[in-house]
C-alpha atoms as a PDB file:
ATOM      1  CA  UNK A   1     -17.011  -5.581  42.193  1.00  0.00           C
ATOM      2  CA  UNK A   2     -16.748  -7.441  38.879  1.00  0.00           C
ATOM      3  CA  UNK A   3     -14.096 -10.120  38.695  1.00  0.00           C
ATOM      4  CA  UNK A   4     -11.454  -9.829  36.002  1.00  0.00           C
ATOM      5  CA  UNK A   5     -10.675 -12.901  33.934  1.00  0.00           C
ATOM      6  CA  UNK A   6      -7.702 -14.851  35.188  1.00  0.00           C
ATOM      7  CA  UNK A   7      -4.323 -14.357  33.519  1.00  0.00           C
ATOM      8  CA  UNK A   8      -4.011 -16.174  30.225  1.00  0.00           C
ATOM      9  CA  UNK A   9      -7.567 -15.569  29.036  1.00  0.00           C
ATOM     10  CA  UNK A  10      -8.676 -13.204  26.305  1.00  0.00           C
ATOM     11  CA  UNK A  11     -12.132 -11.871  25.655  1.00  0.00           C
ATOM     12  CA  UNK A  12     -13.301 -12.565  22.112  1.00  0.00           C
ATOM     13  CA  UNK A  13     -16.827 -11.734  21.142  1.00  0.00           C
ATOM     14  CA  UNK A  14     -17.917 -12.027  24.754  1.00  0.00           C
ATOM     15  CA  UNK A  15     -16.479 -15.528  25.141  1.00  0.00           C
ATOM     16  CA  UNK A  16     -13.389 -16.167  27.226  1.00  0.00           C
ATOM     17  CA  UNK A  17     -10.488 -17.953  25.577  1.00  0.00           C
ATOM     18  CA  UNK A  18      -9.251 -20.771  27.788  1.00  0.00           C
ATOM     19  CA  UNK A  19      -5.959 -20.101  29.529  1.00  0.00           C
ATOM     20  CA  UNK A  20      -4.541 -23.348  28.121  1.00  0.00           C
ATOM     21  CA  UNK A  21      -4.418 -21.695  24.691  1.00  0.00           C
ATOM     22  CA  UNK A  22      -1.259 -19.890  25.712  1.00  0.00           C
ATOM     23  CA  UNK A  23       0.325 -23.189  26.652  1.00  0.00           C
ATOM     24  CA  UNK A  24      -0.582 -24.667  23.280  1.00  0.00           C
ATOM     25  CA  UNK A  25       0.894 -21.642  21.470  1.00  0.00           C
ATOM     26  CA  UNK A  26       4.092 -21.947  23.477  1.00  0.00           C
ATOM     27  CA  UNK A  27       4.294 -25.684  22.714  1.00  0.00           C
ATOM     28  CA  UNK A  28       3.869 -25.051  18.981  1.00  0.00           C
ATOM     29  CA  UNK A  29       6.626 -22.416  19.055  1.00  0.00           C
ATOM     30  CA  UNK A  30       8.934 -24.820  20.875  1.00  0.00           C
ATOM     31  CA  UNK A  31       8.010 -27.629  18.466  1.00  0.00           C
ATOM     32  CA  UNK A  32       8.836 -25.538  15.391  1.00  0.00           C
ATOM     33  CA  UNK A  33      11.270 -27.319  13.152  1.00  0.00           C
ATOM     34  CA  UNK A  34      14.594 -25.674  12.393  1.00  0.00           C
ATOM     35  CA  UNK A  35      14.792 -24.355   8.835  1.00  0.00           C
ATOM     36  CA  UNK A  36      16.334 -26.663   6.252  1.00  0.00           C
ATOM     37  CA  UNK A  37      18.126 -26.058   2.965  1.00  0.00           C
ATOM     38  CA  UNK A  38      17.492 -27.484  -0.471  1.00  0.00           C
ATOM     39  CA  UNK A  39      18.887 -30.991  -0.701  1.00  0.00           C
ATOM     40  CA  UNK A  40      19.986 -31.554  -4.305  1.00  0.00           C
ATOM     41  CA  UNK A  41      20.739 -35.205  -3.490  1.00  0.00           C
ATOM     42  CA  UNK A  42      16.971 -35.806  -3.354  1.00  0.00           C
ATOM     43  CA  UNK A  43      15.021 -36.195  -6.616  1.00  0.00           C
ATOM     44  CA  UNK A  44      13.136 -33.116  -7.771  1.00  0.00           C
ATOM     45  CA  UNK A  45       9.347 -33.396  -7.417  1.00  0.00           C
ATOM     46  CA  UNK A  46       6.902 -31.562  -9.688  1.00  0.00           C
ATOM     47  CA  UNK A  47       3.773 -30.190  -8.049  1.00  0.00           C
ATOM     48  CA  UNK A  48       0.801 -28.674  -9.814  1.00  0.00           C
ATOM     49  CA  UNK A  49      -0.953 -25.433  -8.999  1.00  0.00           C
ATOM     50  CA  UNK A  50      -4.361 -25.338 -10.607  1.00  0.00           C
ATOM     51  CA  UNK A  51      -6.373 -22.201 -11.307  1.00  0.00           C
ATOM     52  CA  UNK A  52      -9.934 -22.636 -10.124  1.00  0.00           C
ATOM     53  CA  UNK A  53     -13.041 -20.724 -11.110  1.00  0.00           C
ATOM     54  CA  UNK A  54     -13.222 -18.855  -7.787  1.00  0.00           C
ATOM     55  CA  UNK A  55      -9.610 -17.633  -7.937  1.00  0.00           C
ATOM     56  CA  UNK A  56      -9.011 -13.962  -8.519  1.00  0.00           C
ATOM     57  CA  UNK A  57      -7.425 -14.153 -11.985  1.00  0.00           C
ATOM     58  CA  UNK A  58      -4.806 -11.419 -11.581  1.00  0.00           C
ATOM     59  CA  UNK A  59      -3.730 -12.639  -8.145  1.00  0.00           C
ATOM     60  CA  UNK A  60      -3.491 -16.253  -9.300  1.00  0.00           C
ATOM     61  CA  UNK A  61      -1.480 -15.315 -12.399  1.00  0.00           C
ATOM     62  CA  UNK A  62       0.934 -13.145 -10.381  1.00  0.00           C
ATOM     63  CA  UNK A  63       1.481 -15.833  -7.738  1.00  0.00           C
ATOM     64  CA  UNK A  64       1.814 -18.652 -10.280  1.00  0.00           C
ATOM     65  CA  UNK A  65       4.305 -16.652 -12.383  1.00  0.00           C
ATOM     66  CA  UNK A  66       6.429 -15.846  -9.320  1.00  0.00           C
ATOM     67  CA  UNK A  67       6.495 -19.474  -8.160  1.00  0.00           C
ATOM     68  CA  UNK A  68       7.222 -20.720 -11.683  1.00  0.00           C
ATOM     69  CA  UNK A  69      10.124 -18.249 -11.987  1.00  0.00           C
ATOM     70  CA  UNK A  70      11.544 -19.373  -8.604  1.00  0.00           C
ATOM     71  CA  UNK A  71      11.080 -22.983  -9.712  1.00  0.00           C
ATOM     72  CA  UNK A  72      12.962 -22.372 -12.965  1.00  0.00           C
ATOM     73  CA  UNK A  73      15.768 -20.763 -10.935  1.00  0.00           C
ATOM     74  CA  UNK A  74      16.014 -23.906  -8.776  1.00  0.00           C
ATOM     75  CA  UNK A  75      15.135 -22.087  -5.547  1.00  0.00           C
ATOM     76  CA  UNK A  76      12.090 -24.043  -4.355  1.00  0.00           C
ATOM     77  CA  UNK A  77      12.262 -26.892  -1.867  1.00  0.00           C
ATOM     78  CA  UNK A  78      10.125 -28.387   0.871  1.00  0.00           C
ATOM     79  CA  UNK A  79      10.763 -26.498   4.070  1.00  0.00           C
ATOM     80  CA  UNK A  80      10.441 -28.194   7.457  1.00  0.00           C
ATOM     81  CA  UNK A  81       7.072 -27.822   9.190  1.00  0.00           C
ATOM     82  CA  UNK A  82       5.861 -26.324  11.390  1.00  0.00           C
ATOM     83  CA  UNK A  83       8.186 -23.452  10.620  1.00  0.00           C
ATOM     84  CA  UNK A  84       8.638 -20.684  13.179  1.00  0.00           C
ATOM     85  CA  UNK A  85       7.142 -17.444  11.900  1.00  0.00           C
ATOM     86  CA  UNK A  86       7.476 -13.873  13.049  1.00  0.00           C
ATOM     87  CA  UNK A  87       3.902 -12.660  13.472  1.00  0.00           C
ATOM     88  CA  UNK A  88       4.998  -9.025  13.291  1.00  0.00           C
ATOM     89  CA  UNK A  89       5.981  -9.482   9.627  1.00  0.00           C
ATOM     90  CA  UNK A  90       2.399 -10.028   8.449  1.00  0.00           C
ATOM     91  CA  UNK A  91       0.681  -8.612  11.536  1.00  0.00           C
ATOM     92  CA  UNK A  92       0.882  -4.927  10.705  1.00  0.00           C
ATOM     93  CA  UNK A  93       1.309  -5.233   6.939  1.00  0.00           C
ATOM     94  CA  UNK A  94      -2.216  -4.107   6.005  1.00  0.00           C
ATOM     95  CA  UNK A  95      -2.200  -1.346   8.632  1.00  0.00           C
ATOM     96  CA  UNK A  96       1.042   0.076   7.219  1.00  0.00           C
ATOM     97  CA  UNK A  97      -0.418   0.114   3.702  1.00  0.00           C
ATOM     98  CA  UNK A  98      -3.615   1.813   4.891  1.00  0.00           C
ATOM     99  CA  UNK A  99      -1.572   4.427   6.770  1.00  0.00           C
ATOM    100  CA  UNK A 100       0.468   5.201   3.630  1.00  0.00           C
ATOM    101  CA  UNK A 101      -2.717   5.533   1.576  1.00  0.00           C
ATOM    102  CA  UNK A 102      -4.277   7.794   4.239  1.00  0.00           C
ATOM    103  CA  UNK A 103      -1.214  10.047   4.321  1.00  0.00           C
ATOM    104  CA  UNK A 104      -1.172  10.293   0.533  1.00  0.00           C
ATOM    105  CA  UNK A 105      -4.872  10.825  -0.153  1.00  0.00           C
ATOM    106  CA  UNK A 106      -6.267  12.411   3.014  1.00  0.00           C
ATOM    107  CA  UNK A 107      -3.772  13.766   5.551  1.00  0.00           C
ATOM    108  CA  UNK A 108      -1.398  15.559   3.182  1.00  0.00           C
ATOM    109  CA  UNK A 109      -4.071  16.603   0.676  1.00  0.00           C
ATOM    110  CA  UNK A 110      -3.800  20.321  -0.162  1.00  0.00           C
ATOM    111  CA  UNK A 111      -6.260  20.324  -3.056  1.00  0.00           C
ATOM    112  CA  UNK A 112      -9.618  22.040  -3.352  1.00  0.00           C
ATOM    113  CA  UNK A 113     -12.597  20.954  -1.266  1.00  0.00           C
ATOM    114  CA  UNK A 114     -13.944  19.076  -4.281  1.00  0.00           C
ATOM    115  CA  UNK A 115     -10.597  17.353  -4.903  1.00  0.00           C
ATOM    116  CA  UNK A 116     -10.318  16.439  -1.214  1.00  0.00           C
ATOM    117  CA  UNK A 117     -13.750  14.794  -1.347  1.00  0.00           C
ATOM    118  CA  UNK A 118     -12.761  12.801  -4.453  1.00  0.00           C
ATOM    119  CA  UNK A 119      -9.473  11.745  -2.858  1.00  0.00           C
ATOM    120  CA  UNK A 120     -11.176  10.723   0.394  1.00  0.00           C
ATOM    121  CA  UNK A 121     -13.633   8.577  -1.592  1.00  0.00           C
ATOM    122  CA  UNK A 122     -10.723   7.021  -3.496  1.00  0.00           C
ATOM    123  CA  UNK A 123      -8.924   6.361  -0.199  1.00  0.00           C
ATOM    124  CA  UNK A 124     -12.014   4.636   1.230  1.00  0.00           C
ATOM    125  CA  UNK A 125     -12.317   2.368  -1.841  1.00  0.00           C
ATOM    126  CA  UNK A 126      -8.631   1.413  -1.588  1.00  0.00           C
ATOM    127  CA  UNK A 127      -8.914   0.892   2.178  1.00  0.00           C
ATOM    128  CA  UNK A 128     -11.845  -1.491   1.700  1.00  0.00           C
ATOM    129  CA  UNK A 129      -9.882  -3.455  -0.885  1.00  0.00           C
ATOM    130  CA  UNK A 130      -6.833  -3.723   1.385  1.00  0.00           C
ATOM    131  CA  UNK A 131      -9.006  -4.878   4.304  1.00  0.00           C
ATOM    132  CA  UNK A 132     -10.545  -7.641   2.164  1.00  0.00           C
ATOM    133  CA  UNK A 133      -7.156  -9.078   1.172  1.00  0.00           C
ATOM    134  CA  UNK A 134      -4.494 -11.148   2.932  1.00  0.00           C
ATOM    135  CA  UNK A 135      -0.766 -10.622   3.104  1.00  0.00           C
ATOM    136  CA  UNK A 136       0.720 -13.349   0.908  1.00  0.00           C
ATOM    137  CA  UNK A 137       4.273 -14.648   1.021  1.00  0.00           C
ATOM    138  CA  UNK A 138       4.979 -14.532  -2.724  1.00  0.00           C
ATOM    139  CA  UNK A 139       7.764 -17.086  -2.259  1.00  0.00           C
ATOM    140  CA  UNK A 140       5.856 -19.540  -0.084  1.00  0.00           C
ATOM    141  CA  UNK A 141       7.389 -20.174   3.335  1.00  0.00           C
ATOM    142  CA  UNK A 142       6.638 -23.867   2.881  1.00  0.00           C
ATOM    143  CA  UNK A 143       8.806 -23.753  -0.261  1.00  0.00           C
ATOM    144  CA  UNK A 144      11.783 -22.099   1.438  1.00  0.00           C
ATOM    145  CA  UNK A 145      10.734 -18.456   1.103  1.00  0.00           C
ATOM    146  CA  UNK A 146      11.848 -15.771   3.543  1.00  0.00           C
ATOM    147  CA  UNK A 147       9.503 -14.484   6.266  1.00  0.00           C
ATOM    148  CA  UNK A 148      10.106 -10.811   5.569  1.00  0.00           C
ATOM    149  CA  UNK A 149       8.111  -7.787   4.431  1.00  0.00           C
ATOM    150  CA  UNK A 150       9.873  -7.696   1.054  1.00  0.00           C
ATOM    151  CA  UNK A 151       8.326 -11.101   0.284  1.00  0.00           C
ATOM    152  CA  UNK A 152       4.747  -9.915   0.931  1.00  0.00           C
ATOM    153  CA  UNK A 153       2.040  -8.762  -1.453  1.00  0.00           C
ATOM    154  CA  UNK A 154      -1.672  -8.354  -0.851  1.00  0.00           C
ATOM    155  CA  UNK A 155      -3.784 -11.080  -2.383  1.00  0.00           C
ATOM    156  CA  UNK A 156      -7.402 -12.180  -2.522  1.00  0.00           C
ATOM    157  CA  UNK A 157      -7.867 -14.153   0.712  1.00  0.00           C
ATOM    158  CA  UNK A 158      -9.616 -17.184  -0.775  1.00  0.00           C
ATOM    159  CA  UNK A 159      -7.135 -17.488  -3.651  1.00  0.00           C
ATOM    160  CA  UNK A 160      -4.226 -17.192  -1.217  1.00  0.00           C
ATOM    161  CA  UNK A 161      -5.526 -19.923   1.091  1.00  0.00           C
ATOM    162  CA  UNK A 162      -6.340 -22.285  -1.767  1.00  0.00           C
ATOM    163  CA  UNK A 163      -2.945 -22.009  -3.465  1.00  0.00           C
ATOM    164  CA  UNK A 164      -1.224 -22.599  -0.133  1.00  0.00           C
ATOM    165  CA  UNK A 165      -3.414 -25.634   0.530  1.00  0.00           C
ATOM    166  CA  UNK A 166      -2.771 -27.071  -2.956  1.00  0.00           C
ATOM    167  CA  UNK A 167       0.961 -26.862  -2.297  1.00  0.00           C
ATOM    168  CA  UNK A 168       0.813 -28.173   1.279  1.00  0.00           C
ATOM    169  CA  UNK A 169      -1.194 -31.275   0.332  1.00  0.00           C
ATOM    170  CA  UNK A 170       1.296 -32.214  -2.398  1.00  0.00           C
ATOM    171  CA  UNK A 171       4.472 -31.737  -0.357  1.00  0.00           C
ATOM    172  CA  UNK A 172       3.436 -32.819   3.141  1.00  0.00           C
ATOM    173  CA  UNK A 173       4.853 -36.348   2.890  1.00  0.00           C
ATOM    174  CA  UNK A 174       8.057 -35.396   1.100  1.00  0.00           C
ATOM    175  CA  UNK A 175      11.397 -35.328   2.941  1.00  0.00           C
ATOM    176  CA  UNK A 176      12.481 -31.869   4.104  1.00  0.00           C
ATOM    177  CA  UNK A 177      14.748 -30.207   1.564  1.00  0.00           C
ATOM    178  CA  UNK A 178      13.184 -31.963  -1.456  1.00  0.00           C
ATOM    179  CA  UNK A 179      13.670 -29.798  -4.584  1.00  0.00           C
ATOM    180  CA  UNK A 180      10.314 -28.662  -5.987  1.00  0.00           C
ATOM    181  CA  UNK A 181       9.339 -27.800  -9.547  1.00  0.00           C
ATOM    182  CA  UNK A 182       6.084 -25.931 -10.214  1.00  0.00           C
ATOM    183  CA  UNK A 183       3.675 -26.735 -13.027  1.00  0.00           C
ATOM    184  CA  UNK A 184       0.799 -24.296 -13.528  1.00  0.00           C
ATOM    185  CA  UNK A 185      -2.530 -25.679 -14.732  1.00  0.00           C
ATOM    186  CA  UNK A 186      -4.873 -23.034 -16.108  1.00  0.00           C
END
C-alpha cells in the first residue's frame, strides 16, 4: 500500500512541499503589522513611477492615473508591512470573471449555430487574456488601499509587478503613515 504524505505537505509538480511551510505561513500571518493611518505630522514624500518599455501602455496609464488622482486627493501613505491580506479577495477574482464571460457568451447563448461558434471563439480569446493577467489593487495596499474586490482590476502581470516593486523600493525605509505624493515619469 502506498504511503500518503504526512500532514502539512502538498504535492506540487511531483515534489512534496515541506511541512514546515505551514509553520512559516502561520508565523508571517502572526507577524503581520496592524494597519496604520496617514500621519500628516510627517513630511510628505514624493515617489516616482516610471513607465518602462516593457510595460503594457494602457495598463500603466490607467494605474498611474489612478495613483496620481489618489495622491492629489491626499489619500496615499506608507502602510505598515507586512500587511495581513485576505487571499480570497484576489484568489477567485479571475475565475469569477471567466465564469461571467462564459455565462454571457456560451451558456446563455440562444443565437444561431454560426453565432454560437463566433461567440465561443470570442469567449476563448477573452478567457486567454484574463488568464494571462493579474488582479491588481488599483489603490496599492502598500499605499493604504483597501483589500477588497472593488479595488481590483486585471492588469498585465509584468507591469503590475514592476509598478509595485518601484513603489516598494522607494517607501520601504519610510516611517509607517508617511504621506506619499506620486510623480509619473513617462
